[in-house]
């Protein structure tokens, strides 16, 4: 089973700086999306991983553009990130 749950204190601080209160929720949603695509659409998993890495490094543009590159496969997750966090590429 895939999980991205361990991160350094510096990475956690970067998430909080970039995404505020929603940072941990974004990572949690990406973990759930990864687990889902592993079962239903495994070729999409590397894109979810790339989105997770973008979130972890505070690359908001990279996060949104990576999710958009999924071709609408995860529209609810993309909408959450764009609307709740006010991020748009």
PDB file of N, CA and C in Angstrom:
ATOM      1  N   UNK A   1       0.838  -1.184   0.000  1.00  0.00           N
ATOM      2  CA  UNK A   1       0.000   0.000   0.000  1.00  0.00           C
ATOM      3  C   UNK A   1       0.883   1.247   0.000  1.00  0.00           C
ATOM      4  N   UNK A   2       0.522   2.170  -0.813  1.00  0.00           N
ATOM      5  CA  UNK A   2       1.274   3.414  -0.963  1.00  0.00           C
ATOM      6  C   UNK A   2       0.850   4.411   0.106  1.00  0.00           C
ATOM      7  N   UNK A   3       1.817   5.115   0.641  1.00  0.00           N
ATOM      8  CA  UNK A   3       1.495   6.207   1.557  1.00  0.00           C
ATOM      9  C   UNK A   3       2.617   7.232   1.548  1.00  0.00           C
ATOM     10  N   UNK A   4       2.236   8.462   1.666  1.00  0.00           N
ATOM     11  CA  UNK A   4       3.190   9.571   1.722  1.00  0.00           C
ATOM     12  C   UNK A   4       3.161  10.222   3.096  1.00  0.00           C
ATOM     13  N   UNK A   5       2.835   9.471   4.125  1.00  0.00           N
ATOM     14  CA  UNK A   5       2.546  10.099   5.408  1.00  0.00           C
ATOM     15  C   UNK A   5       3.749  10.669   6.132  1.00  0.00           C
ATOM     16  N   UNK A   6       4.959  10.180   5.874  1.00  0.00           N
ATOM     17  CA  UNK A   6       6.075  10.725   6.631  1.00  0.00           C
ATOM     18  C   UNK A   6       6.733  11.881   5.879  1.00  0.00           C
ATOM     19  N   UNK A   7       6.941  12.961   6.615  1.00  0.00           N
ATOM     20  CA  UNK A   7       7.623  14.112   6.049  1.00  0.00           C
ATOM     21  C   UNK A   7       8.409  14.790   7.156  1.00  0.00           C
ATOM     22  N   UNK A   8       9.405  15.522   6.759  1.00  0.00           N
ATOM     23  CA  UNK A   8      10.239  16.216   7.737  1.00  0.00           C
ATOM     24  C   UNK A   8       9.490  17.423   8.291  1.00  0.00           C
ATOM     25  N   UNK A   9      10.014  17.967   9.367  1.00  0.00           N
ATOM     26  CA  UNK A   9       9.422  19.179   9.932  1.00  0.00           C
ATOM     27  C   UNK A   9       9.515  20.339   8.948  1.00  0.00           C
ATOM     28  N   UNK A  10      10.604  20.394   8.187  1.00  0.00           N
ATOM     29  CA  UNK A  10      10.759  21.458   7.181  1.00  0.00           C
ATOM     30  C   UNK A  10       9.696  21.325   6.089  1.00  0.00           C
ATOM     31  N   UNK A  11       9.434  20.087   5.664  1.00  0.00           N
ATOM     32  CA  UNK A  11       8.408  19.874   4.647  1.00  0.00           C
ATOM     33  C   UNK A  11       7.027  20.235   5.187  1.00  0.00           C
ATOM     34  N   UNK A  12       6.748  19.854   6.425  1.00  0.00           N
ATOM     35  CA  UNK A  12       5.463  20.200   7.039  1.00  0.00           C
ATOM     36  C   UNK A  12       5.312  21.710   7.137  1.00  0.00           C
ATOM     37  N   UNK A  13       6.391  22.403   7.484  1.00  0.00           N
ATOM     38  CA  UNK A  13       6.352  23.863   7.553  1.00  0.00           C
ATOM     39  C   UNK A  13       6.096  24.466   6.179  1.00  0.00           C
ATOM     40  N   UNK A  14       6.707  23.884   5.135  1.00  0.00           N
ATOM     41  CA  UNK A  14       6.496  24.378   3.767  1.00  0.00           C
ATOM     42  C   UNK A  14       5.037  24.209   3.351  1.00  0.00           C
ATOM     43  N   UNK A  15       4.449  23.076   3.697  1.00  0.00           N
ATOM     44  CA  UNK A  15       3.033  22.835   3.389  1.00  0.00           C
ATOM     45  C   UNK A  15       2.174  23.893   4.074  1.00  0.00           C
ATOM     46  N   UNK A  16       2.436  24.151   5.341  1.00  0.00           N
ATOM     47  CA  UNK A  16       1.655  25.153   6.072  1.00  0.00           C
ATOM     48  C   UNK A  16       1.846  26.544   5.491  1.00  0.00           C
ATOM     49  N   UNK A  17       3.058  26.877   5.081  1.00  0.00           N
ATOM     50  CA  UNK A  17       3.324  28.185   4.487  1.00  0.00           C
ATOM     51  C   UNK A  17       2.610  28.332   3.152  1.00  0.00           C
ATOM     52  N   UNK A  18       2.672  27.300   2.330  1.00  0.00           N
ATOM     53  CA  UNK A  18       2.092  27.372   0.990  1.00  0.00           C
ATOM     54  C   UNK A  18       0.575  27.269   0.975  1.00  0.00           C
ATOM     55  N   UNK A  19       0.034  26.418   1.838  1.00  0.00           N
ATOM     56  CA  UNK A  19      -1.391  26.093   1.748  1.00  0.00           C
ATOM     57  C   UNK A  19      -2.180  26.377   3.017  1.00  0.00           C
ATOM     58  N   UNK A  20      -1.504  26.840   4.059  1.00  0.00           N
ATOM     59  CA  UNK A  20      -2.201  27.159   5.298  1.00  0.00           C
ATOM     60  C   UNK A  20      -2.913  25.959   5.893  1.00  0.00           C
ATOM     61  N   UNK A  21      -4.071  26.226   6.432  1.00  0.00           N
ATOM     62  CA  UNK A  21      -4.881  25.222   7.118  1.00  0.00           C
ATOM     63  C   UNK A  21      -5.187  24.013   6.237  1.00  0.00           C
ATOM     64  N   UNK A  22      -5.304  24.211   4.928  1.00  0.00           N
ATOM     65  CA  UNK A  22      -5.713  23.148   4.024  1.00  0.00           C
ATOM     66  C   UNK A  22      -4.566  22.241   3.571  1.00  0.00           C
ATOM     67  N   UNK A  23      -3.334  22.562   3.922  1.00  0.00           N
ATOM     68  CA  UNK A  23      -2.187  21.804   3.436  1.00  0.00           C
ATOM     69  C   UNK A  23      -2.260  20.317   3.709  1.00  0.00           C
ATOM     70  N   UNK A  24      -2.525  19.957   4.940  1.00  0.00           N
ATOM     71  CA  UNK A  24      -2.607  18.537   5.281  1.00  0.00           C
ATOM     72  C   UNK A  24      -3.797  17.880   4.593  1.00  0.00           C
ATOM     73  N   UNK A  25      -4.887  18.612   4.420  1.00  0.00           N
ATOM     74  CA  UNK A  25      -6.054  18.063   3.719  1.00  0.00           C
ATOM     75  C   UNK A  25      -5.723  17.772   2.263  1.00  0.00           C
ATOM     76  N   UNK A  26      -4.959  18.667   1.632  1.00  0.00           N
ATOM     77  CA  UNK A  26      -4.552  18.447   0.239  1.00  0.00           C
ATOM     78  C   UNK A  26      -3.739  17.166   0.129  1.00  0.00           C
ATOM     79  N   UNK A  27      -2.764  16.993   1.028  1.00  0.00           N
ATOM     80  CA  UNK A  27      -1.948  15.782   0.989  1.00  0.00           C
ATOM     81  C   UNK A  27      -2.785  14.539   1.254  1.00  0.00           C
ATOM     82  N   UNK A  28      -3.728  14.635   2.163  1.00  0.00           N
ATOM     83  CA  UNK A  28      -4.612  13.507   2.438  1.00  0.00           C
ATOM     84  C   UNK A  28      -5.457  13.137   1.232  1.00  0.00           C
ATOM     85  N   UNK A  29      -5.975  14.140   0.548  1.00  0.00           N
ATOM     86  CA  UNK A  29      -6.773  13.884  -0.659  1.00  0.00           C
ATOM     87  C   UNK A  29      -5.910  13.271  -1.756  1.00  0.00           C
ATOM     88  N   UNK A  30      -4.688  13.746  -1.889  1.00  0.00           N
ATOM     89  CA  UNK A  30      -3.793  13.174  -2.897  1.00  0.00           C
ATOM     90  C   UNK A  30      -3.447  11.724  -2.566  1.00  0.00           C
ATOM     91  N   UNK A  31      -3.265  11.413  -1.285  1.00  0.00           N
ATOM     92  CA  UNK A  31      -3.014  10.027  -0.888  1.00  0.00           C
ATOM     93  C   UNK A  31      -4.206   9.141  -1.233  1.00  0.00           C
ATOM     94  N   UNK A  32      -5.411   9.617  -0.949  1.00  0.00           N
ATOM     95  CA  UNK A  32      -6.609   8.846  -1.286  1.00  0.00           C
ATOM     96  C   UNK A  32      -6.738   8.673  -2.789  1.00  0.00           C
ATOM     97  N   UNK A  33      -6.452   9.729  -3.539  1.00  0.00           N
ATOM     98  CA  UNK A  33      -6.517   9.642  -5.000  1.00  0.00           C
ATOM     99  C   UNK A  33      -5.500   8.629  -5.513  1.00  0.00           C
ATOM    100  N   UNK A  34      -4.296   8.633  -4.937  1.00  0.00           N
ATOM    101  CA  UNK A  34      -3.265   7.694  -5.358  1.00  0.00           C
ATOM    102  C   UNK A  34      -3.725   6.263  -5.116  1.00  0.00           C
ATOM    103  N   UNK A  35      -4.251   6.000  -3.930  1.00  0.00           N
ATOM    104  CA  UNK A  35      -4.732   4.656  -3.620  1.00  0.00           C
ATOM    105  C   UNK A  35      -5.847   4.236  -4.580  1.00  0.00           C
ATOM    106  N   UNK A  36      -6.732   5.160  -4.925  1.00  0.00           N
ATOM    107  CA  UNK A  36      -7.820   4.862  -5.853  1.00  0.00           C
ATOM    108  C   UNK A  36      -7.281   4.539  -7.244  1.00  0.00           C
ATOM    109  N   UNK A  37      -6.391   5.363  -7.767  1.00  0.00           N
ATOM    110  CA  UNK A  37      -5.903   5.124  -9.124  1.00  0.00           C
ATOM    111  C   UNK A  37      -5.025   3.877  -9.197  1.00  0.00           C
ATOM    112  N   UNK A  38      -4.359   3.530  -8.105  1.00  0.00           N
ATOM    113  CA  UNK A  38      -3.574   2.300  -8.098  1.00  0.00           C
ATOM    114  C   UNK A  38      -4.468   1.099  -8.398  1.00  0.00           C
ATOM    115  N   UNK A  39      -5.704   1.133  -7.925  1.00  0.00           N
ATOM    116  CA  UNK A  39      -6.646   0.037  -8.143  1.00  0.00           C
ATOM    117  C   UNK A  39      -7.382   0.143  -9.471  1.00  0.00           C
ATOM    118  N   UNK A  40      -7.686   1.339  -9.903  1.00  0.00           N
ATOM    119  CA  UNK A  40      -8.572   1.531 -11.050  1.00  0.00           C
ATOM    120  C   UNK A  40      -7.901   2.072 -12.307  1.00  0.00           C
ATOM    121  N   UNK A  41      -6.784   2.737 -12.181  1.00  0.00           N
ATOM    122  CA  UNK A  41      -6.140   3.394 -13.319  1.00  0.00           C
ATOM    123  C   UNK A  41      -4.659   3.581 -13.010  1.00  0.00           C
ATOM    124  N   UNK A  42      -3.892   2.471 -12.882  1.00  0.00           N
ATOM    125  CA  UNK A  42      -2.520   2.557 -12.383  1.00  0.00           C
ATOM    126  C   UNK A  42      -1.584   3.460 -13.182  1.00  0.00           C
ATOM    127  N   UNK A  43      -1.843   3.650 -14.462  1.00  0.00           N
ATOM    128  CA  UNK A  43      -0.952   4.512 -15.241  1.00  0.00           C
ATOM    129  C   UNK A  43      -1.060   5.978 -14.827  1.00  0.00           C
ATOM    130  N   UNK A  44      -2.092   6.317 -14.076  1.00  0.00           N
ATOM    131  CA  UNK A  44      -2.272   7.679 -13.584  1.00  0.00           C
ATOM    132  C   UNK A  44      -1.494   7.929 -12.292  1.00  0.00           C
ATOM    133  N   UNK A  45      -1.087   6.882 -11.611  1.00  0.00           N
ATOM    134  CA  UNK A  45      -0.419   7.010 -10.307  1.00  0.00           C
ATOM    135  C   UNK A  45       0.802   7.930 -10.335  1.00  0.00           C
ATOM    136  N   UNK A  46       1.666   7.879 -11.359  1.00  0.00           N
ATOM    137  CA  UNK A  46       2.824   8.790 -11.349  1.00  0.00           C
ATOM    138  C   UNK A  46       2.433  10.275 -11.379  1.00  0.00           C
ATOM    139  N   UNK A  47       1.313  10.590 -12.006  1.00  0.00           N
ATOM    140  CA  UNK A  47       0.866  11.988 -12.011  1.00  0.00           C
ATOM    141  C   UNK A  47       0.391  12.420 -10.627  1.00  0.00           C
ATOM    142  N   UNK A  48      -0.273  11.517  -9.914  1.00  0.00           N
ATOM    143  CA  UNK A  48      -0.693  11.837  -8.554  1.00  0.00           C
ATOM    144  C   UNK A  48       0.543  12.032  -7.683  1.00  0.00           C
ATOM    145  N   UNK A  49       1.532  11.169  -7.874  1.00  0.00           N
ATOM    146  CA  UNK A  49       2.775  11.298  -7.119  1.00  0.00           C
ATOM    147  C   UNK A  49       3.449  12.638  -7.423  1.00  0.00           C
ATOM    148  N   UNK A  50       3.442  13.042  -8.685  1.00  0.00           N
ATOM    149  CA  UNK A  50       4.032  14.336  -9.061  1.00  0.00           C
ATOM    150  C   UNK A  50       3.264  15.489  -8.418  1.00  0.00           C
ATOM    151  N   UNK A  51       1.944  15.365  -8.356  1.00  0.00           N
ATOM    152  CA  UNK A  51       1.135  16.397  -7.702  1.00  0.00           C
ATOM    153  C   UNK A  51       1.458  16.459  -6.213  1.00  0.00           C
ATOM    154  N   UNK A  52       1.645  15.306  -5.593  1.00  0.00           N
ATOM    155  CA  UNK A  52       1.981  15.250  -4.169  1.00  0.00           C
ATOM    156  C   UNK A  52       3.321  15.937  -3.933  1.00  0.00           C
ATOM    157  N   UNK A  53       4.288  15.651  -4.798  1.00  0.00           N
ATOM    158  CA  UNK A  53       5.608  16.279  -4.657  1.00  0.00           C
ATOM    159  C   UNK A  53       5.518  17.794  -4.853  1.00  0.00           C
ATOM    160  N   UNK A  54       4.696  18.226  -5.798  1.00  0.00           N
ATOM    161  CA  UNK A  54       4.511  19.669  -6.008  1.00  0.00           C
ATOM    162  C   UNK A  54       3.907  20.309  -4.770  1.00  0.00           C
ATOM    163  N   UNK A  55       2.925  19.644  -4.162  1.00  0.00           N
ATOM    164  CA  UNK A  55       2.317  20.172  -2.942  1.00  0.00           C
ATOM    165  C   UNK A  55       3.343  20.229  -1.822  1.00  0.00           C
ATOM    166  N   UNK A  56       4.133  19.196  -1.721  1.00  0.00           N
ATOM    167  CA  UNK A  56       5.123  19.104  -0.652  1.00  0.00           C
ATOM    168  C   UNK A  56       6.177  20.208  -0.748  1.00  0.00           C
ATOM    169  N   UNK A  57       6.519  20.606  -1.968  1.00  0.00           N
ATOM    170  CA  UNK A  57       7.523  21.649  -2.150  1.00  0.00           C
ATOM    171  C   UNK A  57       6.925  23.050  -2.244  1.00  0.00           C
ATOM    172  N   UNK A  58       5.592  23.140  -2.157  1.00  0.00           N
ATOM    173  CA  UNK A  58       4.941  24.444  -2.220  1.00  0.00           C
ATOM    174  C   UNK A  58       4.773  24.987  -3.616  1.00  0.00           C
ATOM    175  N   UNK A  59       4.900  24.128  -4.624  1.00  0.00           N
ATOM    176  CA  UNK A  59       4.755  24.537  -6.020  1.00  0.00           C
ATOM    177  C   UNK A  59       3.272  24.522  -6.395  1.00  0.00           C
ATOM    178  N   UNK A  60       2.575  25.612  -6.065  1.00  0.00           N
ATOM    179  CA  UNK A  60       1.137  25.651  -6.295  1.00  0.00           C
ATOM    180  C   UNK A  60       0.784  25.555  -7.772  1.00  0.00           C
ATOM    181  N   UNK A  61       1.542  26.241  -8.609  1.00  0.00           N
ATOM    182  CA  UNK A  61       1.281  26.173 -10.051  1.00  0.00           C
ATOM    183  C   UNK A  61       1.488  24.745 -10.559  1.00  0.00           C
ATOM    184  N   UNK A  62       2.560  24.111 -10.139  1.00  0.00           N
ATOM    185  CA  UNK A  62       2.834  22.734 -10.542  1.00  0.00           C
ATOM    186  C   UNK A  62       1.762  21.780 -10.066  1.00  0.00           C
ATOM    187  N   UNK A  63       1.259  21.997  -8.867  1.00  0.00           N
ATOM    188  CA  UNK A  63       0.195  21.156  -8.332  1.00  0.00           C
ATOM    189  C   UNK A  63      -1.054  21.235  -9.201  1.00  0.00           C
ATOM    190  N   UNK A  64      -1.511  22.437  -9.466  1.00  0.00           N
ATOM    191  CA  UNK A  64      -2.732  22.611 -10.253  1.00  0.00           C
ATOM    192  C   UNK A  64      -2.530  22.120 -11.683  1.00  0.00           C
ATOM    193  N   UNK A  65      -1.407  22.454 -12.307  1.00  0.00           N
ATOM    194  CA  UNK A  65      -1.211  22.032 -13.695  1.00  0.00           C
ATOM    195  C   UNK A  65      -1.063  20.513 -13.809  1.00  0.00           C
ATOM    196  N   UNK A  66      -0.434  19.875 -12.813  1.00  0.00           N
ATOM    197  CA  UNK A  66      -0.326  18.418 -12.841  1.00  0.00           C
ATOM    198  C   UNK A  66      -1.698  17.787 -12.716  1.00  0.00           C
ATOM    199  N   UNK A  67      -2.526  18.300 -11.832  1.00  0.00           N
ATOM    200  CA  UNK A  67      -3.872  17.756 -11.698  1.00  0.00           C
ATOM    201  C   UNK A  67      -4.685  17.969 -12.975  1.00  0.00           C
ATOM    202  N   UNK A  68      -4.517  19.123 -13.585  1.00  0.00           N
ATOM    203  CA  UNK A  68      -5.234  19.365 -14.840  1.00  0.00           C
ATOM    204  C   UNK A  68      -4.761  18.434 -15.952  1.00  0.00           C
ATOM    205  N   UNK A  69      -3.499  18.024 -15.908  1.00  0.00           N
ATOM    206  CA  UNK A  69      -2.984  17.126 -16.937  1.00  0.00           C
ATOM    207  C   UNK A  69      -3.573  15.727 -16.834  1.00  0.00           C
ATOM    208  N   UNK A  70      -4.268  15.454 -15.764  1.00  0.00           N
ATOM    209  CA  UNK A  70      -4.925  14.160 -15.624  1.00  0.00           C
ATOM    210  C   UNK A  70      -6.125  14.027 -16.564  1.00  0.00           C
ATOM    211  N   UNK A  71      -6.431  15.070 -17.288  1.00  0.00           N
ATOM    212  CA  UNK A  71      -7.491  15.001 -18.295  1.00  0.00           C
ATOM    213  C   UNK A  71      -8.881  14.838 -17.723  1.00  0.00           C
ATOM    214  N   UNK A  72      -9.130  15.425 -16.572  1.00  0.00           N
ATOM    215  CA  UNK A  72     -10.466  15.363 -15.999  1.00  0.00           C
ATOM    216  C   UNK A  72     -10.766  14.081 -15.241  1.00  0.00           C
ATOM    217  N   UNK A  73      -9.764  13.247 -15.012  1.00  0.00           N
ATOM    218  CA  UNK A  73     -10.009  11.995 -14.298  1.00  0.00           C
ATOM    219  C   UNK A  73     -10.323  12.223 -12.827  1.00  0.00           C
ATOM    220  N   UNK A  74      -9.835  13.317 -12.265  1.00  0.00           N
ATOM    221  CA  UNK A  74     -10.072  13.636 -10.856  1.00  0.00           C
ATOM    222  C   UNK A  74     -10.597  15.058 -10.708  1.00  0.00           C
ATOM    223  N   UNK A  75     -11.725  15.379 -11.346  1.00  0.00           N
ATOM    224  CA  UNK A  75     -12.207  16.763 -11.348  1.00  0.00           C
ATOM    225  C   UNK A  75     -12.574  17.278  -9.961  1.00  0.00           C
ATOM    226  N   UNK A  76     -13.055  16.422  -9.085  1.00  0.00           N
ATOM    227  CA  UNK A  76     -13.443  16.878  -7.756  1.00  0.00           C
ATOM    228  C   UNK A  76     -12.218  17.323  -6.971  1.00  0.00           C
ATOM    229  N   UNK A  77     -11.139  16.570  -7.072  1.00  0.00           N
ATOM    230  CA  UNK A  77      -9.908  16.935  -6.372  1.00  0.00           C
ATOM    231  C   UNK A  77      -9.342  18.233  -6.921  1.00  0.00           C
ATOM    232  N   UNK A  78      -9.318  18.375  -8.228  1.00  0.00           N
ATOM    233  CA  UNK A  78      -8.818  19.608  -8.830  1.00  0.00           C
ATOM    234  C   UNK A  78      -9.668  20.796  -8.400  1.00  0.00           C
ATOM    235  N   UNK A  79     -10.991  20.631  -8.395  1.00  0.00           N
ATOM    236  CA  UNK A  79     -11.878  21.716  -7.976  1.00  0.00           C
ATOM    237  C   UNK A  79     -11.655  22.077  -6.520  1.00  0.00           C
ATOM    238  N   UNK A  80     -11.458  21.074  -5.663  1.00  0.00           N
ATOM    239  CA  UNK A  80     -11.180  21.347  -4.247  1.00  0.00           C
ATOM    240  C   UNK A  80      -9.950  22.216  -4.100  1.00  0.00           C
ATOM    241  N   UNK A  81      -8.899  21.833  -4.779  1.00  0.00           N
ATOM    242  CA  UNK A  81      -7.642  22.558  -4.640  1.00  0.00           C
ATOM    243  C   UNK A  81      -7.761  23.969  -5.204  1.00  0.00           C
ATOM    244  N   UNK A  82      -8.401  24.099  -6.354  1.00  0.00           N
ATOM    245  CA  UNK A  82      -8.536  25.425  -6.947  1.00  0.00           C
ATOM    246  C   UNK A  82      -9.473  26.320  -6.145  1.00  0.00           C
ATOM    247  N   UNK A  83     -10.629  25.802  -5.764  1.00  0.00           N
ATOM    248  CA  UNK A  83     -11.632  26.636  -5.123  1.00  0.00           C
ATOM    249  C   UNK A  83     -11.351  26.886  -3.652  1.00  0.00           C
ATOM    250  N   UNK A  84     -11.004  25.854  -2.911  1.00  0.00           N
ATOM    251  CA  UNK A  84     -10.769  26.024  -1.488  1.00  0.00           C
ATOM    252  C   UNK A  84      -9.490  26.803  -1.210  1.00  0.00           C
ATOM    253  N   UNK A  85      -8.481  26.583  -2.027  1.00  0.00           N
ATOM    254  CA  UNK A  85      -7.208  27.252  -1.789  1.00  0.00           C
ATOM    255  C   UNK A  85      -7.040  28.506  -2.646  1.00  0.00           C
ATOM    256  N   UNK A  86      -7.949  28.719  -3.589  1.00  0.00           N
ATOM    257  CA  UNK A  86      -7.853  29.885  -4.444  1.00  0.00           C
ATOM    258  C   UNK A  86      -6.680  29.807  -5.415  1.00  0.00           C
ATOM    259  N   UNK A  87      -6.318  28.591  -5.812  1.00  0.00           N
ATOM    260  CA  UNK A  87      -5.187  28.392  -6.712  1.00  0.00           C
ATOM    261  C   UNK A  87      -5.697  28.173  -8.135  1.00  0.00           C
ATOM    262  N   UNK A  88      -5.117  28.875  -9.036  1.00  0.00           N
ATOM    263  CA  UNK A  88      -5.460  28.710 -10.450  1.00  0.00           C
ATOM    264  C   UNK A  88      -4.181  28.826 -11.255  1.00  0.00           C
ATOM    265  N   UNK A  89      -4.040  27.937 -12.245  1.00  0.00           N
ATOM    266  CA  UNK A  89      -2.816  28.000 -13.052  1.00  0.00           C
ATOM    267  C   UNK A  89      -2.956  29.010 -14.161  1.00  0.00           C
TER     268      UNK A  89
END
